[in-house]
N, C-alpha and C. Protein backbone atom coordinates (compact mmCIF):
# COMPACT_ATOMS: atom_id res chain seq x y z
N MET A 1 87.46 -136.04 21.98
CA MET A 1 88.30 -136.98 21.01
C MET A 1 87.74 -138.48 20.81
N SER A 2 89.31 -138.20 20.00
CA SER A 2 89.41 -139.94 18.48
C SER A 2 90.28 -141.10 19.48
N TYR A 3 89.86 -142.33 19.06
CA TYR A 3 90.95 -143.53 19.70
C TYR A 3 91.37 -143.67 18.37
N LYS A 4 92.37 -144.20 18.51
CA LYS A 4 93.76 -144.16 17.54
C LYS A 4 94.35 -145.65 17.82
N PRO A 5 93.50 -147.32 17.86
CA PRO A 5 94.15 -148.27 17.61
C PRO A 5 96.43 -147.74 18.03
N LYS A 6 96.98 -148.56 19.12
CA LYS A 6 98.26 -148.67 18.62
C LYS A 6 98.92 -149.92 17.78
N ASP A 7 97.97 -151.06 17.35
CA ASP A 7 98.12 -151.41 16.41
C ASP A 7 97.38 -151.54 14.97
N PHE A 8 97.50 -152.30 14.11
CA PHE A 8 96.81 -152.15 12.93
C PHE A 8 95.82 -153.20 13.08
N LEU A 9 95.38 -154.15 14.20
CA LEU A 9 93.73 -155.16 14.00
C LEU A 9 93.86 -154.58 14.90
N VAL A 10 92.46 -153.74 15.35
CA VAL A 10 91.68 -153.57 15.84
C VAL A 10 90.77 -154.30 16.63
N TRP A 11 90.17 -155.56 15.51
CA TRP A 11 90.09 -156.35 16.12
C TRP A 11 89.72 -157.67 15.22
N GLY A 12 89.81 -158.53 15.15
CA GLY A 12 88.84 -159.64 14.37
C GLY A 12 86.91 -160.34 14.56
N GLU A 13 87.06 -161.09 13.39
CA GLU A 13 85.86 -161.42 13.57
C GLU A 13 85.38 -162.76 12.45
N LEU A 14 85.54 -164.30 12.92
CA LEU A 14 85.16 -165.43 12.53
C LEU A 14 84.13 -165.44 12.19
N PRO A 15 83.36 -165.88 11.21
CA PRO A 15 82.25 -166.12 10.95
C PRO A 15 82.09 -168.23 11.05
N VAL A 16 80.84 -168.13 11.60
CA VAL A 16 80.25 -169.88 12.23
C VAL A 16 79.32 -169.84 11.61
N ARG A 17 79.40 -171.50 11.43
CA ARG A 17 77.74 -171.80 11.27
C ARG A 17 76.54 -172.22 12.56
N ASP A 18 77.21 -172.54 13.41
CA ASP A 18 76.89 -173.42 14.82
C ASP A 18 77.51 -172.31 16.29
N MET A 19 76.65 -171.31 16.83
CA MET A 19 77.75 -170.01 16.87
C MET A 19 77.93 -171.41 18.89
N GLU A 20 76.42 -171.76 19.26
CA GLU A 20 76.71 -172.94 20.15
C GLU A 20 78.04 -173.53 20.19
N LYS A 21 78.32 -173.97 19.46
CA LYS A 21 79.45 -174.58 19.27
C LYS A 21 80.71 -174.54 19.25
N ALA A 22 81.42 -172.92 18.61
CA ALA A 22 81.91 -172.29 17.90
C ALA A 22 82.01 -171.06 19.74
N ILE A 23 81.11 -171.05 20.74
CA ILE A 23 81.97 -170.27 21.64
C ILE A 23 82.07 -172.03 22.73
N ALA A 24 81.72 -172.81 22.50
CA ALA A 24 82.36 -174.31 23.21
C ALA A 24 83.80 -174.84 23.54
N PHE A 25 84.12 -174.25 21.40
CA PHE A 25 85.48 -174.29 21.10
C PHE A 25 86.48 -173.24 21.72
N TYR A 26 86.27 -172.11 21.95
CA TYR A 26 87.43 -171.28 21.23
C TYR A 26 86.93 -171.32 22.93
N ALA A 27 86.16 -171.21 23.52
CA ALA A 27 85.83 -171.43 25.51
C ALA A 27 87.04 -172.70 26.30
N GLU A 28 86.78 -173.60 25.29
CA GLU A 28 87.48 -174.80 25.79
C GLU A 28 89.36 -175.31 25.65
N VAL A 29 89.78 -174.02 24.01
CA VAL A 29 90.52 -174.15 23.39
C VAL A 29 91.46 -173.60 24.02
N THR A 30 90.85 -172.26 24.45
CA THR A 30 91.59 -171.09 24.64
C THR A 30 92.05 -170.74 26.00
N GLY A 31 90.54 -170.58 26.93
CA GLY A 31 91.25 -171.24 28.28
C GLY A 31 89.45 -169.33 28.16
N ALA A 32 89.10 -169.03 27.47
CA ALA A 32 88.34 -167.64 27.44
C ALA A 32 87.17 -167.78 27.74
N THR A 33 86.22 -166.72 28.10
CA THR A 33 85.05 -166.38 28.04
C THR A 33 84.53 -165.81 27.29
N PRO A 34 83.47 -166.24 26.17
CA PRO A 34 83.22 -165.56 25.20
C PRO A 34 82.77 -165.24 25.72
N GLU A 35 81.12 -163.64 25.08
CA GLU A 35 80.20 -163.72 26.10
C GLU A 35 78.91 -163.05 25.12
N LEU A 36 78.27 -164.16 24.96
CA LEU A 36 76.84 -163.27 24.05
C LEU A 36 76.33 -161.53 24.31
N ASP A 37 76.15 -160.95 22.67
CA ASP A 37 76.11 -159.98 22.84
C ASP A 37 74.28 -160.22 22.24
N PRO A 38 73.47 -159.31 23.11
CA PRO A 38 71.92 -159.43 23.27
C PRO A 38 72.53 -158.34 21.29
N ASN A 39 72.77 -157.48 22.20
CA ASN A 39 72.90 -156.47 21.57
C ASN A 39 73.58 -155.97 20.25
N ALA A 40 74.09 -156.52 20.37
CA ALA A 40 74.61 -156.65 18.28
C ALA A 40 73.60 -155.93 17.51
N PRO A 41 73.96 -156.10 15.68
CA PRO A 41 72.64 -156.17 15.53
C PRO A 41 72.82 -157.31 14.51
N HIS A 42 73.37 -158.42 14.74
CA HIS A 42 73.14 -160.09 15.28
C HIS A 42 73.89 -160.89 15.70
N PRO A 43 73.44 -161.87 16.26
CA PRO A 43 74.38 -162.79 17.41
C PRO A 43 75.66 -162.52 17.71
N MET A 44 76.74 -162.03 17.96
CA MET A 44 78.04 -162.23 18.47
C MET A 44 78.28 -162.96 19.73
N ALA A 45 79.58 -163.14 19.91
CA ALA A 45 80.03 -163.83 20.72
C ALA A 45 80.78 -163.16 21.16
N VAL A 46 81.29 -162.21 21.60
CA VAL A 46 82.43 -161.46 21.64
C VAL A 46 83.15 -161.91 23.00
N PHE A 47 84.79 -161.52 22.52
CA PHE A 47 86.10 -162.42 23.36
C PHE A 47 87.02 -160.86 23.86
N LYS A 48 86.62 -161.34 24.98
CA LYS A 48 87.30 -158.83 25.42
C LYS A 48 88.96 -159.52 25.94
N PRO A 49 89.66 -158.57 25.59
CA PRO A 49 91.01 -157.96 25.82
C PRO A 49 91.03 -157.87 27.28
N ALA A 50 91.82 -158.68 27.19
CA ALA A 50 92.76 -158.47 28.59
C ALA A 50 92.99 -156.61 29.32
N ASP A 51 93.48 -156.07 28.40
CA ASP A 51 93.59 -154.85 28.58
C ASP A 51 92.28 -154.14 27.15
N PRO A 52 91.47 -153.12 27.72
CA PRO A 52 91.73 -153.02 26.11
C PRO A 52 92.09 -151.57 24.75
N ALA A 53 92.99 -151.06 26.13
CA ALA A 53 93.81 -149.72 25.84
C ALA A 53 94.54 -150.73 24.90
N THR A 54 95.12 -152.09 25.00
CA THR A 54 96.04 -152.05 24.04
C THR A 54 95.41 -153.56 23.15
N GLY A 55 95.01 -154.30 24.07
CA GLY A 55 94.17 -155.05 23.05
C GLY A 55 93.43 -155.91 22.07
N VAL A 56 93.27 -156.71 21.47
CA VAL A 56 92.61 -156.93 20.86
C VAL A 56 91.43 -157.77 20.65
N ALA A 57 90.59 -158.22 20.26
CA ALA A 57 88.69 -158.38 20.28
C ALA A 57 88.92 -159.84 19.69
N LEU A 58 88.12 -161.30 20.28
CA LEU A 58 87.25 -161.14 18.67
C LEU A 58 86.18 -161.49 19.13
N HIS A 59 85.69 -161.12 16.99
CA HIS A 59 84.11 -161.80 18.07
C HIS A 59 83.54 -163.06 16.57
N LEU A 60 82.39 -164.04 17.07
CA LEU A 60 82.46 -164.44 16.16
C LEU A 60 80.54 -164.43 15.50
N TYR A 61 80.54 -164.36 13.86
CA TYR A 61 79.11 -164.29 14.40
C TYR A 61 78.59 -165.28 13.49
N PRO A 62 77.48 -165.24 12.77
CA PRO A 62 76.57 -165.95 12.43
C PRO A 62 76.92 -165.65 10.53
N GLY A 63 77.26 -166.90 10.01
CA GLY A 63 77.87 -166.92 8.89
C GLY A 63 79.06 -168.30 8.10
N LYS A 64 79.01 -168.06 7.00
CA LYS A 64 79.59 -168.57 5.80
C LYS A 64 81.09 -168.31 6.10
N PRO A 65 81.87 -169.40 6.82
CA PRO A 65 83.62 -169.53 6.73
C PRO A 65 83.87 -170.03 5.03
N ALA A 66 84.75 -169.30 5.03
CA ALA A 66 85.79 -169.54 3.45
C ALA A 66 85.65 -171.02 3.89
N GLN A 67 86.07 -172.14 2.84
CA GLN A 67 86.47 -173.68 2.39
C GLN A 67 87.44 -173.65 2.71
N GLN A 68 87.60 -174.93 3.50
CA GLN A 68 88.47 -175.40 4.59
C GLN A 68 89.75 -174.18 4.85
N GLY A 69 90.19 -174.05 5.16
CA GLY A 69 91.43 -173.39 5.90
C GLY A 69 91.59 -172.11 4.22
N GLN A 70 90.89 -171.87 4.15
CA GLN A 70 91.51 -170.84 2.81
C GLN A 70 90.89 -169.17 3.08
N GLY A 71 90.50 -169.22 4.05
CA GLY A 71 90.02 -167.44 4.12
C GLY A 71 91.47 -167.60 5.77
N PRO A 72 91.43 -166.59 5.48
CA PRO A 72 92.34 -165.13 6.85
C PRO A 72 93.04 -166.13 7.86
N THR A 73 93.81 -165.81 8.55
CA THR A 73 94.81 -166.42 9.67
C THR A 73 94.34 -165.19 10.56
N LEU A 74 93.57 -165.57 12.03
CA LEU A 74 94.15 -164.65 12.69
C LEU A 74 94.76 -165.48 14.13
N HIS A 75 95.52 -165.25 14.90
CA HIS A 75 96.22 -166.32 15.58
C HIS A 75 95.79 -165.88 16.80
N LEU A 76 95.11 -166.21 18.34
CA LEU A 76 95.23 -166.09 19.42
C LEU A 76 95.64 -166.61 20.08
N ALA A 77 95.57 -166.55 21.26
CA ALA A 77 96.63 -166.50 22.50
C ALA A 77 95.78 -167.85 23.80
N ALA A 78 95.94 -168.61 23.69
CA ALA A 78 95.22 -169.56 24.73
C ALA A 78 96.69 -170.50 25.90
N ASP A 79 95.50 -170.57 27.25
CA ASP A 79 96.03 -170.79 28.63
C ASP A 79 97.01 -171.71 28.09
N GLY A 80 97.92 -172.15 28.80
CA GLY A 80 99.03 -173.15 28.38
C GLY A 80 99.75 -173.25 27.72
N ALA A 81 100.70 -174.33 27.50
CA ALA A 81 101.66 -175.00 27.63
C ALA A 81 100.91 -175.27 26.24
N LEU A 82 101.32 -174.68 24.75
CA LEU A 82 101.49 -175.01 22.68
C LEU A 82 100.95 -176.85 22.78
N GLU A 83 101.83 -177.55 23.68
CA GLU A 83 101.63 -179.01 23.32
C GLU A 83 100.17 -179.59 24.03
N ASP A 84 99.71 -178.40 24.93
CA ASP A 84 98.34 -179.06 25.38
C ASP A 84 97.87 -178.49 24.94
N VAL A 85 97.86 -177.51 24.01
CA VAL A 85 96.81 -176.28 23.27
C VAL A 85 96.64 -176.88 22.03
N MET A 86 97.53 -177.68 21.56
CA MET A 86 97.37 -178.93 20.25
C MET A 86 96.16 -179.38 20.76
N THR A 87 96.34 -180.21 22.38
CA THR A 87 95.95 -181.59 22.24
C THR A 87 94.13 -180.99 22.43
N ARG A 88 92.81 -180.11 23.08
CA ARG A 88 92.50 -179.24 23.21
C ARG A 88 92.16 -179.09 22.51
N VAL A 89 92.39 -178.51 21.12
CA VAL A 89 92.26 -178.49 19.54
C VAL A 89 91.83 -179.16 19.14
N GLU A 90 92.46 -181.39 19.16
CA GLU A 90 92.07 -181.95 18.09
C GLU A 90 90.70 -182.48 19.01
N LYS A 91 90.64 -182.46 20.52
CA LYS A 91 89.67 -182.90 21.54
C LYS A 91 88.10 -182.01 21.69
N ALA A 92 88.38 -180.84 21.30
CA ALA A 92 86.58 -180.45 20.90
C ALA A 92 86.32 -179.67 19.28
N GLY A 93 87.01 -180.51 18.49
CA GLY A 93 86.56 -180.76 17.68
C GLY A 93 87.38 -179.75 16.12
N GLY A 94 88.65 -179.04 16.63
CA GLY A 94 89.09 -178.72 15.48
C GLY A 94 90.37 -179.85 15.32
N LYS A 95 91.78 -179.63 14.00
CA LYS A 95 91.81 -180.06 13.20
C LYS A 95 94.02 -179.04 13.17
N VAL A 96 94.30 -179.90 14.04
CA VAL A 96 95.86 -179.45 14.22
C VAL A 96 96.72 -179.68 13.10
N VAL A 97 97.32 -178.83 12.01
CA VAL A 97 97.68 -179.02 10.62
C VAL A 97 98.95 -178.56 10.52
N SER A 98 99.41 -178.34 11.45
CA SER A 98 101.29 -178.23 11.83
C SER A 98 102.00 -178.41 12.80
N ASP A 99 102.97 -178.25 13.40
CA ASP A 99 103.85 -178.47 13.96
C ASP A 99 104.34 -177.38 14.62
N PRO A 100 104.32 -176.79 15.94
CA PRO A 100 104.83 -176.08 16.29
C PRO A 100 106.58 -175.18 15.52
N ILE A 101 106.35 -173.75 15.79
CA ILE A 101 107.13 -172.97 14.45
C ILE A 101 107.39 -172.17 15.80
N GLN A 102 108.35 -172.05 15.84
CA GLN A 102 109.63 -171.24 16.26
C GLN A 102 110.19 -170.17 15.92
N ILE A 103 109.49 -168.77 16.37
CA ILE A 103 109.35 -167.71 16.45
C ILE A 103 110.19 -166.99 17.35
N PRO A 104 110.92 -165.23 16.81
CA PRO A 104 112.61 -164.65 17.83
C PRO A 104 110.60 -164.21 19.59
N ALA A 105 108.82 -164.36 18.45
CA ALA A 105 108.73 -164.23 19.99
C ALA A 105 108.26 -165.50 20.86
N GLY A 106 108.18 -166.33 20.03
CA GLY A 106 107.43 -167.57 20.93
C GLY A 106 107.47 -168.75 20.17
N ARG A 107 106.34 -168.90 20.07
CA ARG A 107 105.89 -170.22 19.46
C ARG A 107 105.39 -170.64 18.66
N PHE A 108 104.30 -171.00 17.53
CA PHE A 108 102.60 -170.54 16.89
C PHE A 108 102.45 -171.97 16.29
N PHE A 109 101.05 -172.32 16.30
CA PHE A 109 101.16 -173.57 15.31
C PHE A 109 98.90 -173.39 14.70
N TYR A 110 99.59 -174.08 13.21
CA TYR A 110 98.49 -173.64 12.68
C TYR A 110 97.18 -174.58 13.15
N ALA A 111 95.58 -174.01 12.68
CA ALA A 111 94.63 -174.54 13.17
C ALA A 111 93.36 -174.67 12.70
N THR A 112 92.83 -175.24 12.22
CA THR A 112 91.61 -174.94 11.98
C THR A 112 89.91 -175.04 13.22
N ASP A 113 89.13 -174.18 13.00
CA ASP A 113 88.17 -175.08 13.10
C ASP A 113 87.33 -175.90 13.23
N PRO A 114 86.22 -176.06 14.14
CA PRO A 114 85.42 -176.81 13.42
C PRO A 114 84.59 -176.60 12.61
N ASP A 115 84.64 -174.66 11.91
CA ASP A 115 84.10 -174.55 11.15
C ASP A 115 84.50 -174.39 9.36
N GLY A 116 86.15 -175.69 10.07
CA GLY A 116 87.43 -175.35 8.54
C GLY A 116 87.71 -173.27 8.57
N ASN A 117 87.20 -172.67 9.55
CA ASN A 117 88.90 -171.73 9.61
C ASN A 117 89.32 -171.21 9.96
N SER A 118 90.28 -171.32 9.32
CA SER A 118 92.44 -170.78 9.42
C SER A 118 92.72 -170.11 11.00
N VAL A 119 92.83 -171.02 12.21
CA VAL A 119 93.66 -170.08 13.30
C VAL A 119 94.86 -170.23 13.46
N GLY A 120 95.48 -169.64 14.01
CA GLY A 120 96.69 -170.26 14.80
C GLY A 120 97.17 -169.96 16.09
N PHE A 121 97.41 -170.54 17.17
CA PHE A 121 97.48 -170.55 18.46
C PHE A 121 99.04 -170.28 19.12
N PHE A 122 98.93 -169.31 20.42
CA PHE A 122 100.15 -168.63 20.36
C PHE A 122 100.59 -169.03 21.92
N GLU A 123 102.27 -169.08 21.64
CA GLU A 123 102.55 -169.53 22.93
C GLU A 123 104.19 -168.44 23.31
N GLY A 124 104.33 -167.26 23.85
CA GLY A 124 104.82 -165.85 23.60
C GLY A 124 106.35 -166.39 25.03
N THR A 125 107.43 -165.96 24.85
CA THR A 125 108.55 -166.25 25.18
C THR A 125 109.16 -165.65 26.74
């Protein structure tokens, strides 16, 4: 039997220059606990979805990020109020690049991680 996800995005991968620093950044900002997978083809930190049947995972891998904020943008959930997440992004070495943006499903803001990857952080309603 084959598995067909309900959404188009199955998982996301972000290239990072320093795996330890990237794991620390995303753990601080999102409240998630990424796990280093020693069985992957190369060192990979895996964020496991709360529900593998419906969730989307994120992987960090050693690589060269796109130039400052020019690659694709992945939007991530993070614990806490959006303004608190914005503070944690800056404190952890990232950069907030927009004010909160309201959409029907909630609010989000754009940021870059310490490697310059474009990310958004989302707070649902």
